[in-house]
Amino acid sequence: MYDRSGARAPALKGQIRTLAAQEMPLLRDHLERLDATSRHDRFNGFIDEGFIGRYAAKCALDGTIVVAYVEDGVVRAAAELHRPDQADPLPEIAFSVESPLRRQGLGSQLFTRLIGKARSLGYDSLRITTGSENQPMRALARKFGAHLTFGRGESSGTIDLASQNEATNVPMAVSVPTPVDVARAMMKFNRAYWKMWFRMAGLDRAA
């Protein structure tokens, strides 16, 4: 895979997993590493390290689910699922990917994994809010069926979990066939093929 400059992007060698509450300092370090533009896009404003520290600590306490791409013990990308509260009855999601790992499909992988988490918790809708100039995030949200509106310098919308999969053709899970599955499929295909051939030749009719 290549980035916009035409150079080959670094291969992904980490794993995607859910962070434990005690691992939120890894989220903090990731957010602090974001460049100024990415940090502005993630929080829709200019914030400092003090805010990020308090934010990560709050995520550890309020039940926020963080699905992260972890490489060599370091979080390089994260998808957050924030539980609903009195101020907002819908759970909210947010994403961040460090610059060197962008345009490799990480956002889509994290999005898919996070939607699976949301479904398992019984949520049927999610809210997404991002800066009005955060084009990659807006494109990713639309890919998963979000209908965004604009106002006060930000984009916001909801994702209907009951219909977004069909609308976007994004698979929620990928099943890898085993050799046994392949063999069974070939046997079924061969039986169907010869049965059709005999029928066309009239050899399956009773004498």
N, C-alpha and C. Protein backbone atom coordinates (compact mmCIF):
# COMPACT_ATOMS: atom_id res chain seq x y z
N MET A 1 0.85 -1.19 0.00
CA MET A 1 0.00 0.00 0.00
C MET A 1 0.88 1.23 0.00
N TYR A 2 0.39 2.29 -0.68
CA TYR A 2 1.18 3.49 -0.82
C TYR A 2 0.45 4.70 -0.25
N ASP A 3 1.22 5.71 0.20
CA ASP A 3 0.59 6.93 0.68
C ASP A 3 0.47 7.91 -0.48
N ARG A 4 0.01 9.12 -0.21
CA ARG A 4 -0.25 10.07 -1.27
C ARG A 4 1.02 10.49 -2.01
N SER A 5 2.17 10.40 -1.36
CA SER A 5 3.43 10.78 -2.00
C SER A 5 3.93 9.72 -2.95
N GLY A 6 3.30 8.55 -2.94
CA GLY A 6 3.73 7.46 -3.79
C GLY A 6 4.70 6.52 -3.10
N ALA A 7 5.14 6.85 -1.89
CA ALA A 7 6.05 5.98 -1.15
C ALA A 7 5.27 4.85 -0.50
N ARG A 8 5.92 3.71 -0.38
CA ARG A 8 5.26 2.56 0.24
C ARG A 8 5.06 2.84 1.73
N ALA A 9 3.82 2.67 2.20
CA ALA A 9 3.51 2.87 3.61
C ALA A 9 4.08 1.71 4.42
N PRO A 10 4.47 1.97 5.66
CA PRO A 10 5.02 0.90 6.49
C PRO A 10 3.98 -0.19 6.75
N ALA A 11 4.44 -1.44 6.71
CA ALA A 11 3.53 -2.57 6.92
C ALA A 11 3.04 -2.58 8.36
N LEU A 12 1.78 -2.95 8.52
CA LEU A 12 1.20 -3.05 9.86
C LEU A 12 1.64 -4.38 10.47
N LYS A 13 2.25 -4.33 11.64
CA LYS A 13 2.73 -5.53 12.29
C LYS A 13 2.18 -5.69 13.71
N GLY A 14 1.27 -4.80 14.10
CA GLY A 14 0.69 -4.87 15.43
C GLY A 14 -0.61 -5.63 15.45
N GLN A 15 -1.41 -5.40 16.49
CA GLN A 15 -2.69 -6.07 16.64
C GLN A 15 -3.74 -5.08 17.11
N ILE A 16 -4.98 -5.41 16.81
CA ILE A 16 -6.11 -4.60 17.26
C ILE A 16 -6.75 -5.32 18.44
N ARG A 17 -6.87 -4.63 19.55
CA ARG A 17 -7.46 -5.23 20.75
C ARG A 17 -8.08 -4.15 21.62
N THR A 18 -8.90 -4.59 22.57
CA THR A 18 -9.54 -3.68 23.51
C THR A 18 -8.61 -3.42 24.68
N LEU A 19 -8.45 -2.15 25.04
CA LEU A 19 -7.60 -1.78 26.16
C LEU A 19 -8.31 -2.02 27.49
N ALA A 20 -7.57 -2.49 28.46
CA ALA A 20 -8.09 -2.57 29.82
C ALA A 20 -8.06 -1.18 30.45
N ALA A 21 -8.84 -0.98 31.51
CA ALA A 21 -8.91 0.34 32.14
C ALA A 21 -7.54 0.82 32.59
N GLN A 22 -6.72 -0.09 33.10
CA GLN A 22 -5.40 0.30 33.58
C GLN A 22 -4.42 0.64 32.46
N GLU A 23 -4.84 0.40 31.21
CA GLU A 23 -3.98 0.72 30.07
C GLU A 23 -4.27 2.08 29.46
N MET A 24 -5.16 2.86 30.08
CA MET A 24 -5.50 4.16 29.52
C MET A 24 -4.31 5.12 29.40
N PRO A 25 -3.25 4.97 30.19
CA PRO A 25 -2.06 5.79 29.92
C PRO A 25 -1.51 5.58 28.51
N LEU A 26 -1.73 4.39 27.92
CA LEU A 26 -1.32 4.17 26.54
C LEU A 26 -2.14 5.03 25.59
N LEU A 27 -3.44 5.18 25.89
CA LEU A 27 -4.29 6.08 25.10
C LEU A 27 -3.80 7.52 25.26
N ARG A 28 -3.50 7.92 26.49
CA ARG A 28 -2.99 9.27 26.74
C ARG A 28 -1.74 9.55 25.92
N ASP A 29 -0.78 8.60 25.93
CA ASP A 29 0.46 8.81 25.20
C ASP A 29 0.20 8.91 23.69
N HIS A 30 -0.73 8.10 23.20
CA HIS A 30 -1.09 8.16 21.78
C HIS A 30 -1.66 9.53 21.41
N LEU A 31 -2.59 10.01 22.21
CA LEU A 31 -3.21 11.31 21.92
C LEU A 31 -2.19 12.44 22.00
N GLU A 32 -1.23 12.32 22.91
CA GLU A 32 -0.20 13.35 23.03
C GLU A 32 0.74 13.35 21.84
N ARG A 33 0.88 12.20 21.17
CA ARG A 33 1.76 12.12 20.01
C ARG A 33 1.13 12.68 18.74
N LEU A 34 -0.16 12.87 18.74
CA LEU A 34 -0.82 13.40 17.54
C LEU A 34 -0.25 14.76 17.20
N ASP A 35 -0.06 15.02 15.90
CA ASP A 35 0.40 16.34 15.48
C ASP A 35 -0.71 17.36 15.73
N ALA A 36 -0.36 18.64 15.62
CA ALA A 36 -1.29 19.70 15.99
C ALA A 36 -2.60 19.62 15.22
N THR A 37 -2.51 19.34 13.92
CA THR A 37 -3.73 19.26 13.10
C THR A 37 -4.59 18.08 13.51
N SER A 38 -3.95 16.92 13.72
CA SER A 38 -4.69 15.72 14.10
C SER A 38 -5.34 15.89 15.47
N ARG A 39 -4.62 16.53 16.37
CA ARG A 39 -5.17 16.76 17.70
C ARG A 39 -6.37 17.71 17.63
N HIS A 40 -6.26 18.72 16.80
CA HIS A 40 -7.38 19.66 16.63
C HIS A 40 -8.58 18.92 16.04
N ASP A 41 -8.33 18.07 15.02
CA ASP A 41 -9.42 17.32 14.41
C ASP A 41 -10.07 16.37 15.40
N ARG A 42 -9.24 15.71 16.23
CA ARG A 42 -9.79 14.73 17.18
C ARG A 42 -10.68 15.40 18.22
N PHE A 43 -10.27 16.55 18.75
CA PHE A 43 -11.02 17.19 19.83
C PHE A 43 -11.78 18.43 19.37
N ASN A 44 -11.73 18.70 18.06
CA ASN A 44 -12.42 19.86 17.50
C ASN A 44 -12.01 21.15 18.23
N GLY A 45 -10.72 21.29 18.44
CA GLY A 45 -10.22 22.49 19.11
C GLY A 45 -8.77 22.29 19.53
N PHE A 46 -8.16 23.33 20.03
CA PHE A 46 -6.77 23.25 20.47
C PHE A 46 -6.75 22.93 21.97
N ILE A 47 -6.09 21.85 22.31
CA ILE A 47 -6.02 21.41 23.71
C ILE A 47 -4.57 21.08 24.05
N ASP A 48 -4.26 21.07 25.35
CA ASP A 48 -2.89 20.81 25.78
C ASP A 48 -2.77 19.44 26.43
N GLU A 49 -1.53 19.10 26.85
CA GLU A 49 -1.29 17.80 27.45
C GLU A 49 -2.04 17.62 28.77
N GLY A 50 -2.24 18.71 29.50
CA GLY A 50 -2.98 18.61 30.75
C GLY A 50 -4.40 18.12 30.51
N PHE A 51 -5.03 18.65 29.49
CA PHE A 51 -6.38 18.21 29.15
C PHE A 51 -6.38 16.74 28.76
N ILE A 52 -5.41 16.34 27.95
CA ILE A 52 -5.35 14.95 27.49
C ILE A 52 -5.16 14.00 28.67
N GLY A 53 -4.34 14.38 29.64
CA GLY A 53 -4.15 13.54 30.82
C GLY A 53 -5.44 13.35 31.59
N ARG A 54 -6.17 14.44 31.78
CA ARG A 54 -7.45 14.35 32.49
C ARG A 54 -8.47 13.55 31.68
N TYR A 55 -8.44 13.72 30.38
CA TYR A 55 -9.37 13.01 29.50
C TYR A 55 -9.14 11.49 29.59
N ALA A 56 -7.88 11.05 29.49
CA ALA A 56 -7.58 9.63 29.56
C ALA A 56 -7.95 9.05 30.93
N ALA A 57 -7.70 9.82 31.99
CA ALA A 57 -8.06 9.36 33.33
C ALA A 57 -9.58 9.19 33.46
N LYS A 58 -10.33 10.09 32.87
CA LYS A 58 -11.79 9.99 32.90
C LYS A 58 -12.27 8.76 32.13
N CYS A 59 -11.62 8.47 30.99
CA CYS A 59 -12.00 7.29 30.21
C CYS A 59 -11.80 6.01 31.02
N ALA A 60 -10.78 6.00 31.89
CA ALA A 60 -10.51 4.82 32.71
C ALA A 60 -11.58 4.61 33.76
N LEU A 61 -12.28 5.68 34.14
CA LEU A 61 -13.25 5.61 35.23
C LEU A 61 -14.70 5.49 34.77
N ASP A 62 -15.01 6.02 33.59
CA ASP A 62 -16.42 6.09 33.20
C ASP A 62 -16.88 4.97 32.28
N GLY A 63 -16.05 3.95 32.09
CA GLY A 63 -16.47 2.80 31.29
C GLY A 63 -16.30 2.97 29.80
N THR A 64 -15.52 3.95 29.37
CA THR A 64 -15.26 4.12 27.94
C THR A 64 -14.54 2.90 27.39
N ILE A 65 -15.01 2.39 26.27
CA ILE A 65 -14.38 1.26 25.61
C ILE A 65 -13.43 1.79 24.54
N VAL A 66 -12.19 1.34 24.58
CA VAL A 66 -11.19 1.78 23.61
C VAL A 66 -10.66 0.56 22.87
N VAL A 67 -10.92 0.52 21.57
CA VAL A 67 -10.34 -0.50 20.70
C VAL A 67 -9.15 0.15 20.02
N ALA A 68 -7.97 -0.43 20.21
CA ALA A 68 -6.74 0.23 19.78
C ALA A 68 -5.90 -0.66 18.88
N TYR A 69 -5.14 -0.01 18.01
CA TYR A 69 -4.10 -0.71 17.27
C TYR A 69 -2.83 -0.56 18.08
N VAL A 70 -2.29 -1.70 18.54
CA VAL A 70 -1.13 -1.70 19.42
C VAL A 70 0.05 -2.33 18.70
N GLU A 71 1.16 -1.60 18.67
CA GLU A 71 2.35 -2.08 17.99
C GLU A 71 3.54 -1.95 18.94
N ASP A 72 4.17 -3.07 19.24
CA ASP A 72 5.30 -3.08 20.18
C ASP A 72 4.93 -2.45 21.52
N GLY A 73 3.72 -2.73 21.99
CA GLY A 73 3.27 -2.22 23.27
C GLY A 73 2.87 -0.77 23.28
N VAL A 74 2.77 -0.15 22.09
CA VAL A 74 2.44 1.27 21.99
C VAL A 74 1.17 1.42 21.16
N VAL A 75 0.22 2.23 21.64
CA VAL A 75 -1.01 2.50 20.90
C VAL A 75 -0.72 3.52 19.81
N ARG A 76 -1.04 3.14 18.57
CA ARG A 76 -0.80 4.02 17.43
C ARG A 76 -2.10 4.52 16.80
N ALA A 77 -3.21 3.89 17.14
CA ALA A 77 -4.51 4.31 16.64
C ALA A 77 -5.56 3.83 17.63
N ALA A 78 -6.65 4.58 17.76
CA ALA A 78 -7.66 4.22 18.76
C ALA A 78 -9.05 4.60 18.30
N ALA A 79 -10.00 3.76 18.67
CA ALA A 79 -11.42 4.03 18.47
C ALA A 79 -12.09 3.97 19.83
N GLU A 80 -12.83 5.01 20.17
CA GLU A 80 -13.42 5.12 21.51
C GLU A 80 -14.94 5.05 21.43
N LEU A 81 -15.52 4.30 22.36
CA LEU A 81 -16.97 4.22 22.49
C LEU A 81 -17.34 4.74 23.86
N HIS A 82 -17.95 5.92 23.89
CA HIS A 82 -18.33 6.57 25.15
C HIS A 82 -19.79 6.27 25.46
N ARG A 83 -20.02 5.82 26.64
CA ARG A 83 -21.37 5.44 27.05
C ARG A 83 -22.28 6.67 27.11
N PRO A 84 -23.58 6.48 26.88
CA PRO A 84 -24.51 7.62 26.96
C PRO A 84 -24.62 8.13 28.39
N ASP A 85 -25.00 9.39 28.53
CA ASP A 85 -25.21 9.97 29.85
C ASP A 85 -26.46 10.85 29.80
N GLN A 86 -26.71 11.57 30.86
CA GLN A 86 -27.92 12.40 30.93
C GLN A 86 -27.90 13.50 29.89
N ALA A 87 -26.71 13.99 29.56
CA ALA A 87 -26.62 15.08 28.58
C ALA A 87 -26.85 14.59 27.16
N ASP A 88 -26.53 13.34 26.89
CA ASP A 88 -26.68 12.78 25.55
C ASP A 88 -27.09 11.32 25.67
N PRO A 89 -28.30 10.96 25.24
CA PRO A 89 -28.78 9.59 25.40
C PRO A 89 -28.13 8.60 24.43
N LEU A 90 -27.35 9.09 23.45
CA LEU A 90 -26.72 8.21 22.49
C LEU A 90 -25.24 8.01 22.84
N PRO A 91 -24.74 6.78 22.71
CA PRO A 91 -23.30 6.57 22.88
C PRO A 91 -22.56 7.28 21.76
N GLU A 92 -21.38 7.81 22.07
CA GLU A 92 -20.62 8.58 21.08
C GLU A 92 -19.31 7.87 20.77
N ILE A 93 -18.88 7.97 19.51
CA ILE A 93 -17.64 7.33 19.09
C ILE A 93 -16.66 8.38 18.57
N ALA A 94 -15.37 8.07 18.70
CA ALA A 94 -14.32 8.97 18.25
C ALA A 94 -13.13 8.13 17.81
N PHE A 95 -12.33 8.67 16.87
CA PHE A 95 -11.21 7.93 16.30
C PHE A 95 -9.99 8.81 16.17
N SER A 96 -8.82 8.19 16.22
CA SER A 96 -7.57 8.90 15.99
C SER A 96 -6.52 7.91 15.49
N VAL A 97 -5.78 8.32 14.48
CA VAL A 97 -4.72 7.50 13.89
C VAL A 97 -3.49 8.38 13.71
N GLU A 98 -2.35 7.91 14.18
CA GLU A 98 -1.13 8.68 14.02
C GLU A 98 -0.73 8.77 12.55
N SER A 99 -0.15 9.88 12.17
CA SER A 99 0.11 10.20 10.77
C SER A 99 0.82 9.10 9.98
N PRO A 100 1.89 8.47 10.48
CA PRO A 100 2.59 7.47 9.66
C PRO A 100 1.75 6.25 9.30
N LEU A 101 0.65 6.02 10.01
CA LEU A 101 -0.15 4.82 9.78
C LEU A 101 -1.47 5.11 9.09
N ARG A 102 -1.64 6.30 8.58
CA ARG A 102 -2.89 6.63 7.90
C ARG A 102 -2.92 6.02 6.49
N ARG A 103 -4.14 5.96 5.96
CA ARG A 103 -4.40 5.47 4.61
C ARG A 103 -3.96 4.01 4.43
N GLN A 104 -4.11 3.24 5.47
CA GLN A 104 -3.84 1.80 5.41
C GLN A 104 -5.06 0.99 5.83
N GLY A 105 -6.20 1.63 5.93
CA GLY A 105 -7.42 0.92 6.30
C GLY A 105 -7.60 0.71 7.79
N LEU A 106 -6.74 1.32 8.62
CA LEU A 106 -6.88 1.13 10.06
C LEU A 106 -8.19 1.69 10.57
N GLY A 107 -8.57 2.86 10.07
CA GLY A 107 -9.82 3.47 10.53
C GLY A 107 -11.01 2.56 10.32
N SER A 108 -11.09 1.95 9.14
CA SER A 108 -12.20 1.04 8.84
C SER A 108 -12.18 -0.19 9.73
N GLN A 109 -10.99 -0.72 9.98
CA GLN A 109 -10.88 -1.90 10.85
C GLN A 109 -11.32 -1.57 12.28
N LEU A 110 -10.87 -0.43 12.77
CA LEU A 110 -11.26 -0.03 14.12
C LEU A 110 -12.76 0.25 14.19
N PHE A 111 -13.28 0.91 13.14
CA PHE A 111 -14.71 1.23 13.10
C PHE A 111 -15.53 -0.06 13.16
N THR A 112 -15.15 -1.04 12.35
CA THR A 112 -15.89 -2.30 12.31
C THR A 112 -15.85 -3.01 13.66
N ARG A 113 -14.66 -3.04 14.27
CA ARG A 113 -14.53 -3.69 15.57
C ARG A 113 -15.34 -2.96 16.64
N LEU A 114 -15.34 -1.64 16.59
CA LEU A 114 -16.07 -0.87 17.60
C LEU A 114 -17.58 -1.03 17.44
N ILE A 115 -18.04 -1.10 16.21
CA ILE A 115 -19.47 -1.32 15.98
C ILE A 115 -19.89 -2.68 16.54
N GLY A 116 -19.02 -3.67 16.38
CA GLY A 116 -19.31 -4.98 16.98
C GLY A 116 -19.45 -4.88 18.49
N LYS A 117 -18.59 -4.09 19.13
CA LYS A 117 -18.69 -3.88 20.58
C LYS A 117 -20.02 -3.21 20.92
N ALA A 118 -20.38 -2.19 20.14
CA ALA A 118 -21.62 -1.46 20.40
C ALA A 118 -22.83 -2.38 20.28
N ARG A 119 -22.83 -3.24 19.28
CA ARG A 119 -23.93 -4.19 19.10
C ARG A 119 -24.03 -5.13 20.30
N SER A 120 -22.87 -5.61 20.78
CA SER A 120 -22.88 -6.55 21.90
C SER A 120 -23.43 -5.92 23.17
N LEU A 121 -23.37 -4.59 23.25
CA LEU A 121 -23.90 -3.87 24.41
C LEU A 121 -25.37 -3.50 24.23
N GLY A 122 -25.94 -3.84 23.08
CA GLY A 122 -27.35 -3.58 22.84
C GLY A 122 -27.65 -2.21 22.27
N TYR A 123 -26.64 -1.46 21.85
CA TYR A 123 -26.88 -0.14 21.26
C TYR A 123 -27.41 -0.31 19.83
N ASP A 124 -28.36 0.52 19.46
CA ASP A 124 -28.88 0.48 18.09
C ASP A 124 -28.53 1.72 17.29
N SER A 125 -27.98 2.74 17.94
CA SER A 125 -27.55 3.96 17.25
C SER A 125 -26.31 4.51 17.92
N LEU A 126 -25.47 5.16 17.14
CA LEU A 126 -24.26 5.79 17.66
C LEU A 126 -24.19 7.22 17.16
N ARG A 127 -23.59 8.08 17.98
CA ARG A 127 -23.37 9.46 17.56
C ARG A 127 -21.90 9.65 17.24
N ILE A 128 -21.65 10.42 16.19
CA ILE A 128 -20.28 10.75 15.83
C ILE A 128 -20.19 12.26 15.62
N THR A 129 -19.18 12.87 16.20
CA THR A 129 -18.96 14.31 16.07
C THR A 129 -17.50 14.54 15.70
N THR A 130 -17.27 15.38 14.72
CA THR A 130 -15.92 15.67 14.30
C THR A 130 -15.85 17.09 13.76
N GLY A 131 -14.65 17.62 13.62
CA GLY A 131 -14.48 18.95 13.07
C GLY A 131 -14.94 19.02 11.63
N SER A 132 -15.48 20.16 11.23
CA SER A 132 -16.01 20.30 9.88
C SER A 132 -14.94 20.18 8.81
N GLU A 133 -13.66 20.35 9.19
CA GLU A 133 -12.56 20.24 8.22
C GLU A 133 -11.85 18.90 8.30
N ASN A 134 -12.32 17.99 9.12
CA ASN A 134 -11.70 16.68 9.24
C ASN A 134 -12.25 15.76 8.15
N GLN A 135 -11.72 15.92 6.94
CA GLN A 135 -12.25 15.20 5.79
C GLN A 135 -12.11 13.68 5.92
N PRO A 136 -10.96 13.14 6.37
CA PRO A 136 -10.86 11.67 6.48
C PRO A 136 -11.91 11.08 7.42
N MET A 137 -12.15 11.76 8.55
CA MET A 137 -13.13 11.24 9.50
C MET A 137 -14.53 11.34 8.93
N ARG A 138 -14.83 12.43 8.24
CA ARG A 138 -16.16 12.57 7.63
C ARG A 138 -16.38 11.50 6.58
N ALA A 139 -15.34 11.21 5.77
CA ALA A 139 -15.47 10.19 4.74
C ALA A 139 -15.68 8.81 5.37
N LEU A 140 -14.96 8.53 6.45
CA LEU A 140 -15.12 7.24 7.13
C LEU A 140 -16.51 7.12 7.73
N ALA A 141 -17.02 8.19 8.32
CA ALA A 141 -18.36 8.17 8.90
C ALA A 141 -19.42 7.91 7.83
N ARG A 142 -19.27 8.58 6.69
CA ARG A 142 -20.24 8.37 5.61
C ARG A 142 -20.16 6.95 5.06
N LYS A 143 -18.95 6.38 5.03
CA LYS A 143 -18.77 5.01 4.55
C LYS A 143 -19.59 4.04 5.38
N PHE A 144 -19.73 4.34 6.67
CA PHE A 144 -20.47 3.46 7.57
C PHE A 144 -21.91 3.94 7.78
N GLY A 145 -22.39 4.80 6.89
CA GLY A 145 -23.81 5.14 6.89
C GLY A 145 -24.21 6.34 7.70
N ALA A 146 -23.27 7.14 8.20
CA ALA A 146 -23.63 8.32 8.99
C ALA A 146 -24.12 9.43 8.07
N HIS A 147 -25.17 10.11 8.49
CA HIS A 147 -25.68 11.28 7.79
C HIS A 147 -25.30 12.50 8.62
N LEU A 148 -24.34 13.27 8.10
CA LEU A 148 -23.77 14.36 8.89
C LEU A 148 -24.45 15.68 8.62
N THR A 149 -24.56 16.49 9.67
CA THR A 149 -25.02 17.87 9.55
C THR A 149 -23.92 18.78 10.09
N PHE A 150 -23.95 20.04 9.70
CA PHE A 150 -22.88 20.95 10.05
C PHE A 150 -23.42 22.12 10.87
N GLY A 151 -22.61 22.55 11.79
CA GLY A 151 -22.99 23.70 12.61
C GLY A 151 -21.94 24.01 13.65
N ARG A 152 -21.66 25.30 13.85
CA ARG A 152 -20.70 25.74 14.86
C ARG A 152 -19.33 25.10 14.68
N GLY A 153 -18.90 24.97 13.42
CA GLY A 153 -17.57 24.48 13.14
C GLY A 153 -17.38 22.99 13.30
N GLU A 154 -18.45 22.23 13.41
CA GLU A 154 -18.31 20.79 13.57
C GLU A 154 -19.35 20.04 12.75
N SER A 155 -19.07 18.78 12.51
CA SER A 155 -20.00 17.88 11.83
C SER A 155 -20.48 16.86 12.84
N SER A 156 -21.76 16.57 12.83
CA SER A 156 -22.30 15.57 13.74
C SER A 156 -23.37 14.75 13.03
N GLY A 157 -23.51 13.52 13.45
CA GLY A 157 -24.51 12.65 12.85
C GLY A 157 -24.68 11.39 13.65
N THR A 158 -25.56 10.53 13.18
CA THR A 158 -25.82 9.26 13.86
C THR A 158 -25.66 8.11 12.88
N ILE A 159 -25.32 6.96 13.42
CA ILE A 159 -25.18 5.74 12.63
C ILE A 159 -26.20 4.74 13.14
N ASP A 160 -27.09 4.29 12.26
CA ASP A 160 -28.10 3.31 12.61
C ASP A 160 -27.49 1.92 12.46
N LEU A 161 -27.25 1.24 13.57
CA LEU A 161 -26.58 -0.05 13.52
C LEU A 161 -27.44 -1.13 12.89
N ALA A 162 -28.76 -0.90 12.83
CA ALA A 162 -29.64 -1.90 12.26
C ALA A 162 -29.58 -1.91 10.74
N SER A 163 -29.13 -0.81 10.14
CA SER A 163 -29.17 -0.73 8.68
C SER A 163 -27.85 -0.37 8.04
N GLN A 164 -26.89 0.11 8.81
CA GLN A 164 -25.66 0.61 8.20
C GLN A 164 -24.88 -0.46 7.46
N ASN A 165 -24.92 -1.71 7.90
CA ASN A 165 -24.14 -2.74 7.23
C ASN A 165 -24.62 -2.95 5.81
N GLU A 166 -25.97 -3.03 5.63
CA GLU A 166 -26.50 -3.22 4.29
C GLU A 166 -26.29 -1.98 3.43
N ALA A 167 -26.35 -0.81 4.06
CA ALA A 167 -26.23 0.42 3.29
C ALA A 167 -24.82 0.65 2.79
N THR A 168 -23.82 0.18 3.53
CA THR A 168 -22.44 0.49 3.20
C THR A 168 -21.67 -0.68 2.63
N ASN A 169 -22.28 -1.89 2.67
CA ASN A 169 -21.60 -3.08 2.20
C ASN A 169 -20.29 -3.33 2.93
N VAL A 170 -20.19 -2.92 4.18
CA VAL A 170 -19.01 -3.17 5.00
C VAL A 170 -19.29 -4.38 5.85
N PRO A 171 -18.55 -5.47 5.69
CA PRO A 171 -18.84 -6.68 6.48
C PRO A 171 -18.54 -6.46 7.95
N MET A 172 -19.40 -6.97 8.81
CA MET A 172 -19.19 -6.86 10.24
C MET A 172 -18.21 -7.92 10.74
N ALA A 173 -18.08 -9.00 10.00
CA ALA A 173 -17.13 -10.03 10.39
C ALA A 173 -16.67 -10.75 9.14
N VAL A 174 -15.48 -11.22 9.15
CA VAL A 174 -14.92 -11.93 8.01
C VAL A 174 -14.62 -13.35 8.45
N SER A 175 -15.17 -14.31 7.73
CA SER A 175 -14.94 -15.71 8.04
C SER A 175 -13.93 -16.28 7.05
N VAL A 176 -12.84 -16.84 7.54
CA VAL A 176 -11.81 -17.40 6.68
C VAL A 176 -12.07 -18.88 6.51
N PRO A 177 -12.30 -19.37 5.27
CA PRO A 177 -12.61 -20.78 5.07
C PRO A 177 -11.42 -21.67 5.38
N THR A 178 -11.70 -22.82 5.97
CA THR A 178 -10.67 -23.81 6.25
C THR A 178 -10.54 -24.73 5.03
N PRO A 179 -9.46 -25.54 4.94
CA PRO A 179 -9.33 -26.50 3.83
C PRO A 179 -10.52 -27.45 3.73
N VAL A 180 -11.08 -27.83 4.88
CA VAL A 180 -12.26 -28.71 4.86
C VAL A 180 -13.44 -28.00 4.22
N ASP A 181 -13.62 -26.70 4.55
CA ASP A 181 -14.70 -25.93 3.95
C ASP A 181 -14.54 -25.87 2.44
N VAL A 182 -13.30 -25.65 1.99
CA VAL A 182 -13.04 -25.55 0.55
C VAL A 182 -13.35 -26.88 -0.13
N ALA A 183 -12.94 -27.99 0.48
CA ALA A 183 -13.19 -29.31 -0.11
C ALA A 183 -14.68 -29.59 -0.21
N ARG A 184 -15.42 -29.27 0.85
CA ARG A 184 -16.87 -29.47 0.83
C ARG A 184 -17.52 -28.64 -0.26
N ALA A 185 -17.07 -27.40 -0.40
CA ALA A 185 -17.64 -26.52 -1.42
C ALA A 185 -17.37 -27.07 -2.82
N MET A 186 -16.16 -27.62 -3.05
CA MET A 186 -15.85 -28.18 -4.35
C MET A 186 -16.70 -29.41 -4.63
N MET A 187 -16.93 -30.25 -3.63
CA MET A 187 -17.77 -31.43 -3.82
C MET A 187 -19.19 -31.03 -4.18
N LYS A 188 -19.71 -30.01 -3.47
CA LYS A 188 -21.07 -29.55 -3.77
C LYS A 188 -21.14 -29.00 -5.18
N PHE A 189 -20.11 -28.26 -5.57
CA PHE A 189 -20.10 -27.69 -6.91
C PHE A 189 -20.07 -28.78 -7.96
N ASN A 190 -19.22 -29.82 -7.77
CA ASN A 190 -19.12 -30.90 -8.74
C ASN A 190 -20.43 -31.66 -8.87
N ARG A 191 -21.08 -31.94 -7.72
CA ARG A 191 -22.36 -32.65 -7.76
C ARG A 191 -23.40 -31.83 -8.52
N ALA A 192 -23.43 -30.53 -8.23
CA ALA A 192 -24.41 -29.67 -8.90
C ALA A 192 -24.13 -29.58 -10.39
N TYR A 193 -22.83 -29.53 -10.74
CA TYR A 193 -22.47 -29.40 -12.16
C TYR A 193 -22.91 -30.64 -12.95
N TRP A 194 -22.56 -31.86 -12.44
CA TRP A 194 -22.90 -33.08 -13.17
C TRP A 194 -24.41 -33.33 -13.17
N LYS A 195 -25.07 -32.95 -12.10
CA LYS A 195 -26.53 -33.10 -12.08
C LYS A 195 -27.17 -32.24 -13.15
N MET A 196 -26.66 -31.01 -13.31
CA MET A 196 -27.18 -30.12 -14.35
C MET A 196 -26.87 -30.67 -15.72
N TRP A 197 -25.65 -31.25 -15.90
CA TRP A 197 -25.25 -31.77 -17.21
C TRP A 197 -26.14 -32.94 -17.62
N PHE A 198 -26.36 -33.87 -16.67
CA PHE A 198 -27.22 -35.02 -16.97
C PHE A 198 -28.64 -34.58 -17.28
N ARG A 199 -29.13 -33.55 -16.58
CA ARG A 199 -30.48 -33.07 -16.82
C ARG A 199 -30.59 -32.49 -18.23
N MET A 200 -29.58 -31.71 -18.61
CA MET A 200 -29.60 -31.11 -19.94
C MET A 200 -29.51 -32.19 -21.03
N ALA A 201 -28.77 -33.28 -20.74
CA ALA A 201 -28.62 -34.35 -21.73
C ALA A 201 -29.80 -35.32 -21.70
N GLY A 202 -30.70 -35.16 -20.75
CA GLY A 202 -31.84 -36.03 -20.65
C GLY A 202 -31.54 -37.40 -20.08
N LEU A 203 -30.35 -37.53 -19.44
CA LEU A 203 -29.95 -38.83 -18.92
C LEU A 203 -30.49 -39.11 -17.53
N ASP A 204 -31.12 -38.11 -16.90
CA ASP A 204 -31.64 -38.35 -15.57
C ASP A 204 -33.10 -38.74 -15.58
N ARG A 205 -33.67 -38.86 -16.81
CA ARG A 205 -35.09 -39.21 -16.89
C ARG A 205 -35.24 -40.72 -16.83
N ALA A 206 -36.34 -41.16 -16.25
CA ALA A 206 -36.60 -42.61 -16.17
C ALA A 206 -36.91 -43.16 -17.55
N ALA A 207 -36.44 -44.37 -17.86
CA ALA A 207 -36.65 -44.98 -19.17
C ALA A 207 -38.12 -45.38 -19.32
